[in-house]
Amino acid sequence: MRLAALSTLLITVGAATLRQESIEYWNSVGRDCLNSKLKSDFGKVLAEQQTPPKNVILFIGDGMGIATITAARIARNQGRGSADTNIPFFFETFPFSGLSKTASFDTHTTDSAASAVALMTGHKVEQNTLGRIPGNGNKCENGEKAKIRDGIADLALEKGLEVGFATTSSITDATPGALYAKDVHRRMEFDSAPGMNGTSCEDVASQILNHPADKFRVMMGGGHAQFLSEVVGGNRTDNRSIEEEWTQITPALKSHSRVLLASNEEFVRHEPKEGEQLLGIFSPLHFPYRVDENLANRSSVPRLSEMAVKAVQMMNKQSNNKGYFLMIEGANIDKAQHKNKFHLAAEELNEFDRAIKQVSEMVGDDTLIIVTADHAHALTIPGYLNKTESIFERDGNVTSIFFATGPGFGDGNKTNYTKEEAKDPHFSQPSSIYFKDARHGGEDVGIWAKGPFAWLFTGTIENTQIAYNIKYLLCLDDKEDSICDLRSSMAEKKENEETEKRLHKTTQSTQTESLHILNTDLPMRGMVIALLVITCVLAVLVAVLLVLLLRSSFRGSVKPSDSSS
């Protein structure tokens, strides 16, 4: 099965020498985990019965840890006046779920860049890096050998699949950047970003002009400033307009086109077309929070749910029937928690869930949907607050939503805030240790999946396993076994079994005919035998008579000899 069998043998023999910098290490981890499911009694049955997915949609709730989901779930149900505060989010009703381990290559608690790279390439990488194999430094001096070229996006395009994403962050931010940026620090979003001087690095924004991003069917989010010159209010000092340069890239076919959308009004008017590539940049940097949009009764940017629907429409409009990979990120769940502002985070999670529900209603049985987070936040729900009280209030001096770090309320000891203060949408929940921006949490995060082979995303797995499984199911990596190999093997096995059945049936038929002859009516058999015996006796008698006649004739022809001499 291609190189996989040899690769497995070499990895098994040399496991002790494999280092975590190498994709071979994480592929070996992925292979072992996958095979344990495929070879189980449960897996053998499902793998044979199910048709693999044609499309995969990966939803990433940035910073959406388990405690974040719990607190947001309670807040939503209380806000709706429900007596049951545990009514689940839509994605929580998916039939299969598990946990993902989020540590990066070099830290227990990951940042969004390293975790997103793991989710979308299968590599564990160093903190804050995009598309870079560990151990290559920050100067971008090692060329191609430092770049990750076997991510989902790269391989999917090689196989003829469509690729795209939508996010509420700048499209140069860590999570979307992990799909396309190579060998760069996540903060190098534009040409004069901190750390760029004295390096050979190519800024993230300009990399949308390179492979693989230049082939993406759809890219939507914020970040005008990273693409535009300082002269027009952007951050770039090289006097370039990356957005304009993107529109000038020659399409793969003459009938294809590139469309740039720069406002919500243009987004609303836009109708997806076949052969069209879409770049939508709708804000200077990240999107405003949904709460602020609602309070101001404005729609300055598209909702995440609207972009998700548009992205699927773009994919469905293409004549390419090989399938697609789509990533949808709820980025502001994380950004609100960095400021300890849980009201904002909860509403962002509501919108994220709305996007998942709307997309789920659009797609068919050939689409696998995976929901997960890149990392958690150091958030907990302490105390014994009565269910009749708002989750944003406190049990005595114990706040019910508490961050380990962040700007918080005072120094973390001042828990005597009022109910009115707690109702403020921009209220910062108390934190234990002051930081301008709260630190992430290092615990495992949830995975929810539905669609073909969703059962592969269960148990406690590495975040790299998610990428490995997607590559496996979409048959992307020729260096590894895939579901295509498994299906081919199954088909060959089935054909052999059917051939054996046909041979067995033919043998049985021959034996049956022989037995039928042997079991012919006994009287008839007796008559046949009697006739044969009579025939033989008659033949013998005839033979004897012939012999006697010949002897008699011979004797008559011989005369007595003359005795005189």
Protein backbone atom coordinates (compact mmCIF):
# COMPACT_ATOMS: atom_id res chain seq x y z
CA MET A 1 0.00 0.00 0.00
CA ARG A 2 2.29 2.64 -1.42
CA LEU A 3 5.15 3.54 0.91
CA ALA A 4 3.13 3.19 4.08
CA ALA A 5 4.04 -0.42 4.88
CA LEU A 6 7.77 0.29 4.53
CA SER A 7 7.36 3.56 6.40
CA THR A 8 5.60 1.78 9.26
CA LEU A 9 8.40 -0.78 9.48
CA LEU A 10 11.14 1.85 9.48
CA ILE A 11 9.33 3.93 12.09
CA THR A 12 8.80 0.88 14.30
CA VAL A 13 12.45 -0.13 14.06
CA GLY A 14 13.75 3.40 14.54
CA ALA A 15 11.12 4.71 16.94
CA ALA A 16 13.71 5.50 19.56
CA THR A 17 15.54 7.82 17.15
CA LEU A 18 12.47 9.73 15.92
CA ARG A 19 12.30 13.30 17.13
CA GLN A 20 9.19 15.39 17.59
CA GLU A 21 10.49 17.95 15.07
CA SER A 22 9.72 15.44 12.31
CA ILE A 23 6.35 14.79 10.71
CA GLU A 24 7.29 11.10 10.76
CA TYR A 25 6.99 11.13 14.54
CA TRP A 26 3.50 12.65 14.52
CA ASN A 27 2.44 10.47 11.59
CA SER A 28 3.46 7.41 13.59
CA VAL A 29 1.38 8.65 16.53
CA GLY A 30 -1.51 9.36 14.17
CA ARG A 31 -1.25 5.99 12.46
CA ASP A 32 -1.28 4.07 15.74
CA CYS A 33 -4.29 6.00 17.03
CA LEU A 34 -6.20 5.60 13.78
CA ASN A 35 -5.48 1.90 13.42
CA SER A 36 -6.62 1.22 16.97
CA LYS A 37 -10.06 2.49 15.92
CA LEU A 38 -10.17 0.99 12.43
CA LYS A 39 -9.13 -2.46 13.67
CA SER A 40 -11.61 -2.55 16.54
CA ASP A 41 -14.74 -4.70 16.08
CA PHE A 42 -16.77 -1.51 15.98
CA GLY A 43 -14.42 0.11 13.46
CA LYS A 44 -14.26 -2.87 11.10
CA VAL A 45 -18.02 -2.84 10.66
CA LEU A 46 -18.34 0.93 10.21
CA ALA A 47 -15.33 1.25 7.91
CA GLU A 48 -16.87 -1.29 5.55
CA GLN A 49 -20.39 0.15 5.67
CA GLN A 50 -19.71 3.90 5.51
CA THR A 51 -18.80 5.97 2.47
CA PRO A 52 -15.90 8.36 3.22
CA PRO A 53 -16.62 12.11 3.30
CA LYS A 54 -16.31 14.15 0.15
CA ASN A 55 -16.10 17.43 2.10
CA VAL A 56 -14.72 18.38 5.51
CA ILE A 57 -15.64 21.53 7.44
CA LEU A 58 -13.51 22.32 10.49
CA PHE A 59 -15.01 24.80 12.97
CA ILE A 60 -12.50 26.27 15.42
CA GLY A 61 -13.76 28.13 18.47
CA ASP A 62 -10.66 30.08 19.44
CA GLY A 63 -10.11 29.84 23.19
CA MET A 64 -13.28 27.74 23.58
CA GLY A 65 -12.31 25.59 26.56
CA ILE A 66 -14.72 23.34 28.43
CA ALA A 67 -15.27 25.87 31.24
CA THR A 68 -15.91 28.58 28.65
CA ILE A 69 -18.60 26.44 27.02
CA THR A 70 -20.20 25.62 30.38
CA ALA A 71 -20.37 29.24 31.52
CA ALA A 72 -21.61 30.44 28.12
CA ARG A 73 -24.25 27.71 28.04
CA ILE A 74 -25.57 28.78 31.45
CA ALA A 75 -25.50 32.46 30.44
CA ARG A 76 -27.42 31.76 27.24
CA ASN A 77 -30.13 29.71 28.92
CA GLN A 78 -30.52 32.25 31.72
CA GLY A 79 -30.74 35.01 29.14
CA ARG A 80 -33.56 33.12 27.43
CA GLY A 81 -35.41 32.69 30.71
CA SER A 82 -35.05 28.90 30.69
CA ALA A 83 -35.38 27.03 33.99
CA ASP A 84 -33.03 24.41 32.55
CA THR A 85 -29.62 26.04 32.36
CA ASN A 86 -28.04 22.97 30.76
CA ILE A 87 -29.82 23.02 27.40
CA PRO A 88 -26.87 22.28 25.09
CA PHE A 89 -25.43 24.28 22.25
CA PHE A 90 -26.27 22.83 18.85
CA PHE A 91 -22.77 21.43 18.34
CA GLU A 92 -22.94 19.67 21.72
CA THR A 93 -25.69 17.45 20.30
CA PHE A 94 -23.37 15.92 17.70
CA PRO A 95 -23.26 12.11 18.03
CA PHE A 96 -19.50 11.78 18.57
CA SER A 97 -17.21 13.69 20.90
CA GLY A 98 -13.76 13.50 22.41
CA LEU A 99 -10.88 15.52 23.82
CA SER A 100 -7.83 17.05 22.16
CA LYS A 101 -4.42 17.58 23.79
CA THR A 102 -3.17 21.05 22.93
CA ALA A 103 0.47 21.36 24.04
CA SER A 104 2.80 22.85 21.43
CA PHE A 105 6.22 21.52 20.45
CA ASP A 106 7.97 23.53 23.16
CA THR A 107 5.34 24.63 25.74
CA HIS A 108 2.71 22.93 27.91
CA THR A 109 0.22 25.70 27.14
CA THR A 110 0.00 26.62 23.48
CA ASP A 111 -0.60 29.84 21.63
CA SER A 112 -3.04 30.00 18.70
CA ALA A 113 -0.35 29.76 16.02
CA ALA A 114 1.20 26.50 17.17
CA SER A 115 -2.17 24.93 17.90
CA ALA A 116 -3.66 25.97 14.56
CA VAL A 117 -0.63 24.59 12.70
CA ALA A 118 -1.15 21.29 14.53
CA LEU A 119 -4.84 21.21 13.58
CA MET A 120 -4.24 22.03 9.93
CA THR A 121 -0.94 20.33 9.13
CA GLY A 122 -0.39 17.57 11.68
CA HIS A 123 2.91 19.11 12.86
CA LYS A 124 3.70 20.19 16.41
CA VAL A 125 5.64 23.43 16.06
CA GLU A 126 7.30 26.04 18.24
CA GLN A 127 5.22 28.68 19.95
CA ASN A 128 4.24 31.66 17.74
CA THR A 129 5.41 30.11 14.46
CA LEU A 130 3.47 29.50 11.26
CA GLY A 131 4.41 26.91 8.65
CA ARG A 132 7.89 26.39 10.08
CA ILE A 133 9.50 23.10 11.03
CA PRO A 134 10.97 23.35 14.57
CA GLY A 135 14.65 24.15 14.93
CA ASN A 136 14.96 26.63 12.06
CA GLY A 137 15.20 29.85 14.08
CA ASN A 138 13.41 33.14 13.42
CA LYS A 139 15.47 34.58 10.56
CA CYS A 140 13.90 32.58 7.72
CA GLU A 141 17.37 31.73 6.43
CA ASN A 142 16.89 28.05 5.62
CA GLY A 143 14.61 28.30 2.62
CA GLU A 144 12.33 25.45 1.60
CA LYS A 145 13.70 22.95 4.10
CA ALA A 146 12.19 25.02 6.92
CA LYS A 147 8.72 25.19 5.37
CA ILE A 148 5.83 22.84 6.05
CA ARG A 149 4.51 21.74 2.67
CA ASP A 150 2.31 18.80 3.66
CA GLY A 151 -0.53 20.64 5.37
CA ILE A 152 -4.17 19.97 4.55
CA ALA A 153 -4.43 23.02 2.27
CA ASP A 154 -1.29 22.21 0.23
CA LEU A 155 -2.21 18.56 -0.25
CA ALA A 156 -5.90 19.22 -0.92
CA LEU A 157 -5.09 21.62 -3.76
CA GLU A 158 -2.69 19.08 -5.25
CA LYS A 159 -5.54 16.55 -5.31
CA GLY A 160 -7.91 19.01 -6.95
CA LEU A 161 -10.06 19.84 -3.93
CA GLU A 162 -11.28 23.34 -3.12
CA VAL A 163 -9.97 25.13 -0.01
CA GLY A 164 -11.21 28.17 1.87
CA PHE A 165 -11.77 29.85 5.23
CA ALA A 166 -13.77 32.50 7.07
CA THR A 167 -12.85 34.15 10.37
CA THR A 168 -13.79 37.08 12.61
CA SER A 169 -10.12 37.99 13.01
CA SER A 170 -7.75 39.54 10.52
CA ILE A 171 -7.10 36.96 7.83
CA THR A 172 -3.41 37.34 8.70
CA ASP A 173 -4.04 36.27 12.31
CA ALA A 174 -2.64 33.04 13.73
CA THR A 175 -5.47 30.61 13.01
CA PRO A 176 -6.22 31.50 9.37
CA GLY A 177 -2.51 32.14 8.80
CA ALA A 178 -1.79 28.53 9.75
CA LEU A 179 -3.56 27.41 6.58
CA TYR A 180 -1.17 29.15 4.21
CA ALA A 181 1.74 31.10 5.80
CA LYS A 182 5.22 29.53 5.64
CA ASP A 183 8.29 29.96 7.84
CA VAL A 184 7.22 33.11 9.68
CA HIS A 185 6.53 34.42 13.19
CA ARG A 186 2.82 35.01 13.72
CA ARG A 187 3.40 38.70 14.59
CA MET A 188 5.02 39.38 11.21
CA GLU A 189 1.66 40.22 9.67
CA PHE A 190 2.91 43.13 7.52
CA ASP A 191 6.22 44.26 6.06
CA SER A 192 7.33 46.55 8.93
CA ALA A 193 5.98 44.44 11.79
CA PRO A 194 8.20 44.04 14.88
CA GLY A 195 10.95 41.50 14.29
CA MET A 196 10.95 41.78 10.50
CA ASN A 197 14.14 43.85 10.26
CA GLY A 198 17.27 41.82 9.67
CA THR A 199 15.41 38.72 8.50
CA SER A 200 14.57 37.09 5.20
CA CYS A 201 10.99 36.47 6.30
CA GLU A 202 8.02 37.19 4.07
CA ASP A 203 5.19 38.86 5.97
CA VAL A 204 1.94 36.94 6.40
CA ALA A 205 -0.21 39.39 4.41
CA SER A 206 1.94 39.17 1.29
CA GLN A 207 1.80 35.37 1.45
CA ILE A 208 -1.80 35.35 0.22
CA LEU A 209 -0.16 35.94 -3.18
CA ASN A 210 1.76 32.66 -2.86
CA HIS A 211 0.83 29.01 -3.01
CA PRO A 212 -1.36 27.72 -1.47
CA ALA A 213 -3.42 30.85 -0.60
CA ASP A 214 -3.45 32.14 -4.18
CA LYS A 215 -5.52 29.06 -5.11
CA PHE A 216 -8.04 29.32 -2.26
CA ARG A 217 -11.63 29.54 -3.39
CA VAL A 218 -12.65 31.85 -0.56
CA MET A 219 -10.93 33.92 2.16
CA MET A 220 -13.03 36.13 4.42
CA GLY A 221 -12.28 38.11 7.58
CA GLY A 222 -10.73 41.41 8.62
CA GLY A 223 -7.32 43.03 8.34
CA HIS A 224 -7.30 45.80 5.70
CA ALA A 225 -4.46 47.53 7.57
CA GLN A 226 -2.05 44.63 7.03
CA PHE A 227 -2.55 44.75 3.26
CA LEU A 228 -2.56 48.49 2.59
CA SER A 229 0.05 51.25 2.55
CA GLU A 230 0.43 53.82 5.33
CA VAL A 231 -0.52 56.41 2.71
CA VAL A 232 -4.11 55.11 2.73
CA GLY A 233 -4.28 54.31 6.44
CA GLY A 234 -2.69 50.87 6.43
CA ASN A 235 0.37 49.51 8.21
CA ARG A 236 2.60 48.79 5.23
CA THR A 237 5.70 50.88 4.57
CA ASP A 238 6.48 49.30 1.18
CA ASN A 239 3.74 51.29 -0.57
CA ARG A 240 2.05 48.10 -1.75
CA SER A 241 -1.62 47.17 -1.88
CA ILE A 242 -1.63 43.41 -1.43
CA GLU A 243 -5.39 43.36 -1.97
CA GLU A 244 -5.00 44.94 -5.41
CA GLU A 245 -2.09 42.64 -6.27
CA TRP A 246 -4.28 39.66 -5.39
CA THR A 247 -6.94 40.76 -7.88
CA GLN A 248 -4.28 40.92 -10.62
CA ILE A 249 -3.16 37.30 -10.27
CA THR A 250 -4.06 35.47 -13.48
CA PRO A 251 -6.83 32.90 -12.82
CA ALA A 252 -6.17 29.26 -13.58
CA LEU A 253 -8.72 29.39 -16.43
CA LYS A 254 -9.81 32.29 -18.63
CA SER A 255 -13.41 31.76 -17.56
CA HIS A 256 -12.47 32.19 -13.89
CA SER A 257 -12.38 35.48 -12.00
CA ARG A 258 -11.26 37.11 -8.75
CA VAL A 259 -13.61 39.21 -6.65
CA LEU A 260 -12.58 41.55 -3.81
CA LEU A 261 -15.27 42.54 -1.29
CA ALA A 262 -14.38 45.39 1.06
CA SER A 263 -17.64 46.14 2.90
CA ASN A 264 -20.70 44.46 4.33
CA GLU A 265 -22.82 46.14 1.66
CA GLU A 266 -20.73 44.50 -1.06
CA PHE A 267 -20.93 41.19 0.82
CA VAL A 268 -24.74 41.31 0.93
CA ARG A 269 -25.01 42.12 -2.79
CA HIS A 270 -22.55 39.44 -3.86
CA GLU A 271 -23.88 36.29 -5.54
CA PRO A 272 -21.44 33.33 -5.72
CA LYS A 273 -20.48 32.25 -9.23
CA GLU A 274 -18.75 29.24 -10.69
CA GLY A 275 -15.04 29.74 -11.24
CA GLU A 276 -14.92 32.72 -8.90
CA GLN A 277 -12.30 33.25 -6.19
CA LEU A 278 -13.43 35.48 -3.36
CA LEU A 279 -11.35 37.67 -1.03
CA GLY A 280 -13.48 39.48 1.53
CA ILE A 281 -11.81 41.90 3.97
CA PHE A 282 -14.39 43.79 5.98
CA SER A 283 -12.61 45.60 8.84
CA PRO A 284 -9.29 47.39 9.52
CA LEU A 285 -8.13 44.63 11.88
CA HIS A 286 -10.33 42.16 13.79
CA PHE A 287 -14.12 42.24 13.66
CA PRO A 288 -16.04 44.24 16.27
CA TYR A 289 -17.81 42.17 18.93
CA ARG A 290 -21.37 41.01 18.24
CA VAL A 291 -22.55 42.66 21.46
CA ASP A 292 -21.29 46.05 20.27
CA GLU A 293 -22.87 45.56 16.86
CA ASN A 294 -26.18 44.65 18.50
CA LEU A 295 -26.08 47.54 20.98
CA ALA A 296 -25.38 50.02 18.19
CA ASN A 297 -27.98 48.37 15.97
CA ARG A 298 -25.50 48.22 13.12
CA SER A 299 -24.06 45.69 10.70
CA SER A 300 -20.66 47.11 9.87
CA VAL A 301 -19.33 43.63 9.09
CA PRO A 302 -20.94 40.32 8.11
CA ARG A 303 -21.85 37.93 10.91
CA LEU A 304 -19.75 34.77 11.21
CA SER A 305 -22.85 32.72 10.39
CA GLU A 306 -23.38 34.75 7.21
CA MET A 307 -19.78 34.27 6.09
CA ALA A 308 -19.97 30.54 6.84
CA VAL A 309 -23.09 30.21 4.69
CA LYS A 310 -21.48 32.25 1.89
CA ALA A 311 -18.35 30.09 2.02
CA VAL A 312 -20.37 26.89 1.61
CA GLN A 313 -22.34 28.47 -1.22
CA MET A 314 -19.07 29.35 -2.94
CA MET A 315 -17.90 25.75 -2.64
CA ASN A 316 -21.20 24.32 -3.87
CA LYS A 317 -21.21 26.65 -6.87
CA GLN A 318 -18.07 25.09 -8.34
CA SER A 319 -18.28 22.32 -10.93
CA ASN A 320 -15.37 20.55 -9.29
CA ASN A 321 -16.82 17.37 -7.83
CA LYS A 322 -13.71 16.30 -5.92
CA GLY A 323 -14.84 17.97 -2.70
CA TYR A 324 -13.53 20.70 -0.42
CA PHE A 325 -11.94 21.60 2.90
CA LEU A 326 -13.32 24.63 4.71
CA MET A 327 -12.19 26.20 8.01
CA ILE A 328 -14.51 28.51 9.97
CA GLU A 329 -13.11 30.33 13.02
CA GLY A 330 -14.91 32.10 15.85
CA ALA A 331 -11.89 34.22 16.74
CA ASN A 332 -13.49 36.73 19.10
CA ILE A 333 -14.35 34.07 21.68
CA ASP A 334 -10.65 34.19 22.49
CA LYS A 335 -10.09 37.91 22.14
CA ALA A 336 -12.85 38.75 24.62
CA GLN A 337 -11.44 36.34 27.19
CA HIS A 338 -7.99 37.87 26.88
CA LYS A 339 -9.66 40.93 28.44
CA ASN A 340 -11.69 38.80 30.90
CA LYS A 341 -14.87 40.13 29.25
CA PHE A 342 -17.09 37.10 29.43
CA HIS A 343 -20.32 38.78 28.33
CA LEU A 344 -18.63 39.42 24.99
CA ALA A 345 -17.14 35.92 24.80
CA ALA A 346 -20.50 34.29 25.52
CA GLU A 347 -22.23 36.15 22.69
CA GLU A 348 -19.38 35.30 20.30
CA LEU A 349 -19.86 31.63 21.20
CA ASN A 350 -23.58 31.97 20.51
CA GLU A 351 -22.80 33.29 17.03
CA PHE A 352 -20.26 30.51 16.51
CA ASP A 353 -22.94 27.94 17.37
CA ARG A 354 -25.39 29.68 15.03
CA ALA A 355 -22.88 29.34 12.19
CA ILE A 356 -22.49 25.62 12.86
CA LYS A 357 -26.24 25.07 12.87
CA GLN A 358 -26.86 26.98 9.65
CA VAL A 359 -24.05 25.21 7.82
CA SER A 360 -25.25 21.83 9.11
CA GLU A 361 -28.64 22.49 7.57
CA MET A 362 -27.03 23.24 4.19
CA VAL A 363 -24.73 20.27 3.69
CA GLY A 364 -25.51 16.66 2.83
CA ASP A 365 -24.50 13.26 4.12
CA ASP A 366 -21.22 13.48 2.22
CA THR A 367 -19.87 16.20 4.53
CA LEU A 368 -17.98 15.67 7.78
CA ILE A 369 -18.28 18.51 10.30
CA ILE A 370 -15.74 18.80 13.12
CA VAL A 371 -15.98 21.34 15.94
CA THR A 372 -13.08 21.97 18.30
CA ALA A 373 -10.94 24.65 19.93
CA ASP A 374 -7.30 25.50 19.42
CA HIS A 375 -6.80 25.97 23.17
CA ALA A 376 -8.64 26.84 26.37
CA HIS A 377 -8.55 29.86 28.66
CA ALA A 378 -7.59 29.67 32.33
CA LEU A 379 -11.20 30.12 33.41
CA THR A 380 -13.06 28.37 36.21
CA ILE A 381 -16.52 28.46 37.79
CA PRO A 382 -15.92 28.38 41.57
CA GLY A 383 -18.34 28.73 44.48
CA TYR A 384 -21.87 27.42 44.91
CA LEU A 385 -23.96 30.11 43.27
CA ASN A 386 -27.69 29.39 43.34
CA LYS A 387 -29.24 28.64 39.94
CA THR A 388 -31.65 31.50 40.44
CA GLU A 389 -28.72 33.93 40.36
CA SER A 390 -27.01 35.17 37.20
CA ILE A 391 -23.82 33.30 36.34
CA PHE A 392 -22.12 36.72 36.23
CA GLU A 393 -22.75 37.33 39.93
CA ARG A 394 -20.99 35.85 42.97
CA ASP A 395 -21.47 33.48 45.84
CA GLY A 396 -20.57 35.76 48.73
CA ASN A 397 -17.03 36.88 48.00
CA VAL A 398 -16.49 34.16 45.40
CA THR A 399 -17.08 35.24 41.81
CA SER A 400 -18.74 32.60 39.66
CA ILE A 401 -16.65 33.28 36.56
CA PHE A 402 -13.03 33.64 37.53
CA PHE A 403 -9.90 33.95 35.40
CA ALA A 404 -6.44 32.95 36.58
CA THR A 405 -4.84 35.91 34.80
CA GLY A 406 -5.83 39.11 33.02
CA PRO A 407 -6.87 42.72 33.55
CA GLY A 408 -9.80 41.55 35.67
CA PHE A 409 -11.55 43.65 38.27
CA GLY A 410 -8.96 45.44 40.40
CA ASP A 411 -6.26 43.13 41.67
CA GLY A 412 -8.41 40.02 41.91
CA ASN A 413 -9.24 40.50 45.59
CA LYS A 414 -11.90 43.14 45.04
CA THR A 415 -14.93 40.91 44.63
CA ASN A 416 -17.41 43.41 46.04
CA TYR A 417 -18.63 44.54 42.62
CA THR A 418 -22.34 45.29 42.31
CA LYS A 419 -24.98 43.48 40.29
CA GLU A 420 -25.26 46.49 38.02
CA GLU A 421 -21.54 46.44 37.33
CA ALA A 422 -21.72 42.72 36.56
CA LYS A 423 -24.44 43.35 33.97
CA ASP A 424 -22.25 45.71 31.96
CA PRO A 425 -21.46 43.94 28.63
CA HIS A 426 -17.85 45.11 28.93
CA PHE A 427 -17.46 44.09 32.57
CA SER A 428 -14.16 42.29 33.16
CA GLN A 429 -14.53 39.26 35.41
CA PRO A 430 -12.07 39.09 38.33
CA SER A 431 -8.68 37.53 37.79
CA SER A 432 -6.14 36.17 40.24
CA ILE A 433 -2.99 37.68 38.71
CA TYR A 434 -2.86 40.90 36.72
CA PHE A 435 -1.83 40.74 33.07
CA LYS A 436 -2.74 43.17 30.35
CA ASP A 437 -3.94 40.16 28.38
CA ALA A 438 -5.05 36.93 30.04
CA ARG A 439 -2.92 33.83 29.47
CA HIS A 440 -4.31 30.71 27.84
CA GLY A 441 -5.18 27.51 29.68
CA GLY A 442 -3.30 24.30 28.96
CA GLU A 443 -6.06 21.73 29.55
CA ASP A 444 -7.54 19.47 26.89
CA VAL A 445 -10.34 20.89 24.75
CA GLY A 446 -13.45 19.28 23.34
CA ILE A 447 -14.08 17.77 19.92
CA TRP A 448 -17.56 17.25 18.48
CA ALA A 449 -18.14 15.59 15.12
CA LYS A 450 -20.92 14.39 12.85
CA GLY A 451 -21.01 12.94 9.37
CA PRO A 452 -19.14 10.06 7.72
CA PHE A 453 -16.37 8.61 9.90
CA ALA A 454 -17.07 11.10 12.71
CA TRP A 455 -16.41 8.23 15.13
CA LEU A 456 -12.68 8.56 14.39
CA PHE A 457 -12.66 11.81 16.41
CA THR A 458 -13.43 10.21 19.76
CA GLY A 459 -11.39 9.47 22.87
CA THR A 460 -8.48 11.62 24.01
CA ILE A 461 -6.24 12.39 21.05
CA GLU A 462 -3.46 14.77 20.04
CA ASN A 463 -4.54 17.89 18.16
CA THR A 464 -2.29 16.67 15.34
CA GLN A 465 -4.57 13.63 15.08
CA ILE A 466 -7.36 15.83 13.75
CA ALA A 467 -5.21 16.83 10.77
CA TYR A 468 -3.99 13.25 10.30
CA ASN A 469 -7.55 11.93 10.23
CA ILE A 470 -8.67 14.59 7.75
CA LYS A 471 -5.76 13.78 5.42
CA TYR A 472 -6.63 10.08 5.76
CA LEU A 473 -10.33 10.55 4.98
CA LEU A 474 -9.75 12.89 2.02
CA CYS A 475 -6.92 10.67 0.68
CA LEU A 476 -4.47 13.57 0.60
CA ASP A 477 -1.07 12.21 1.63
CA ASP A 478 0.49 9.74 -0.81
CA LYS A 479 3.20 8.93 1.75
CA GLU A 480 0.62 7.60 4.20
CA ASP A 481 -2.18 5.06 4.01
CA SER A 482 -5.61 6.54 3.35
CA ILE A 483 -9.24 5.50 3.34
CA CYS A 484 -8.86 5.10 -0.43
CA ASP A 485 -6.25 2.38 0.19
CA LEU A 486 -8.51 0.72 2.74
CA ARG A 487 -11.50 0.79 0.40
CA SER A 488 -9.37 -0.60 -2.44
CA SER A 489 -8.14 -3.38 -0.16
CA MET A 490 -11.69 -4.12 0.93
CA ALA A 491 -12.87 -4.21 -2.69
CA GLU A 492 -10.03 -6.58 -3.62
CA LYS A 493 -10.83 -8.79 -0.65
CA LYS A 494 -14.51 -8.81 -1.56
CA GLU A 495 -13.71 -9.68 -5.18
CA ASN A 496 -11.49 -12.56 -4.04
CA GLU A 497 -14.23 -13.80 -1.74
CA GLU A 498 -16.79 -13.64 -4.55
CA THR A 499 -14.40 -15.52 -6.86
CA GLU A 500 -13.95 -18.20 -4.21
CA LYS A 501 -17.72 -18.40 -3.80
CA ARG A 502 -18.17 -18.82 -7.56
CA LEU A 503 -15.54 -21.58 -7.67
CA HIS A 504 -17.10 -23.27 -4.67
CA LYS A 505 -20.52 -23.04 -6.29
CA THR A 506 -19.19 -24.53 -9.56
CA THR A 507 -17.54 -27.40 -7.67
CA GLN A 508 -20.72 -28.05 -5.75
CA SER A 509 -22.72 -28.03 -9.00
CA THR A 510 -20.38 -30.58 -10.60
CA GLN A 511 -20.57 -32.82 -7.54
CA THR A 512 -24.33 -32.52 -7.54
CA GLU A 513 -24.57 -33.59 -11.20
CA SER A 514 -22.32 -36.58 -10.53
CA LEU A 515 -24.44 -37.59 -7.57
CA HIS A 516 -27.54 -37.17 -9.73
CA ILE A 517 -26.19 -39.64 -12.25
CA LEU A 518 -25.22 -42.08 -9.51
CA ASN A 519 -28.63 -41.77 -7.95
CA THR A 520 -30.48 -42.69 -11.21
CA ASP A 521 -33.42 -45.14 -10.73
CA LEU A 522 -32.03 -48.54 -9.60
CA PRO A 523 -34.21 -50.76 -11.93
CA MET A 524 -32.95 -48.83 -14.89
CA ARG A 525 -29.41 -49.27 -13.67
CA GLY A 526 -30.08 -53.02 -13.33
CA MET A 527 -31.39 -53.31 -16.85
CA VAL A 528 -28.38 -51.47 -18.17
CA ILE A 529 -26.04 -53.78 -16.27
CA ALA A 530 -27.97 -56.89 -17.45
CA LEU A 531 -27.76 -55.77 -21.05
CA LEU A 532 -24.06 -55.17 -20.66
CA VAL A 533 -23.59 -58.67 -19.20
CA ILE A 534 -25.66 -60.32 -21.95
CA THR A 535 -23.75 -58.38 -24.57
CA CYS A 536 -20.48 -59.53 -23.07
CA VAL A 537 -21.65 -63.20 -22.92
CA LEU A 538 -22.84 -63.09 -26.51
CA ALA A 539 -19.55 -61.58 -27.55
CA VAL A 540 -17.70 -64.40 -25.83
CA LEU A 541 -19.90 -67.09 -27.47
CA VAL A 542 -19.44 -65.54 -30.89
CA ALA A 543 -15.71 -65.48 -30.32
CA VAL A 544 -15.68 -69.17 -29.30
CA LEU A 545 -17.71 -70.20 -32.36
CA LEU A 546 -15.38 -68.30 -34.62
CA VAL A 547 -12.37 -70.02 -33.10
CA LEU A 548 -13.97 -73.48 -33.55
CA LEU A 549 -14.87 -72.78 -37.16
CA LEU A 550 -11.38 -71.60 -37.94
CA ARG A 551 -9.82 -74.69 -36.39
CA SER A 552 -12.15 -77.01 -38.29
CA SER A 553 -11.40 -75.29 -41.56
CA PHE A 554 -7.67 -75.49 -40.91
CA ARG A 555 -7.74 -79.24 -40.26
CA GLY A 556 -9.71 -80.00 -43.44
CA SER A 557 -7.16 -78.29 -45.62
CA VAL A 558 -4.17 -80.39 -44.42
CA LYS A 559 -3.65 -83.79 -46.44
CA PRO A 560 -1.85 -87.04 -45.10
CA SER A 561 1.79 -87.19 -46.22
CA ASP A 562 3.08 -89.88 -48.83
CA SER A 563 5.00 -92.79 -47.04
CA SER A 564 6.89 -94.25 -50.20
CA SER A 565 10.28 -92.91 -51.09
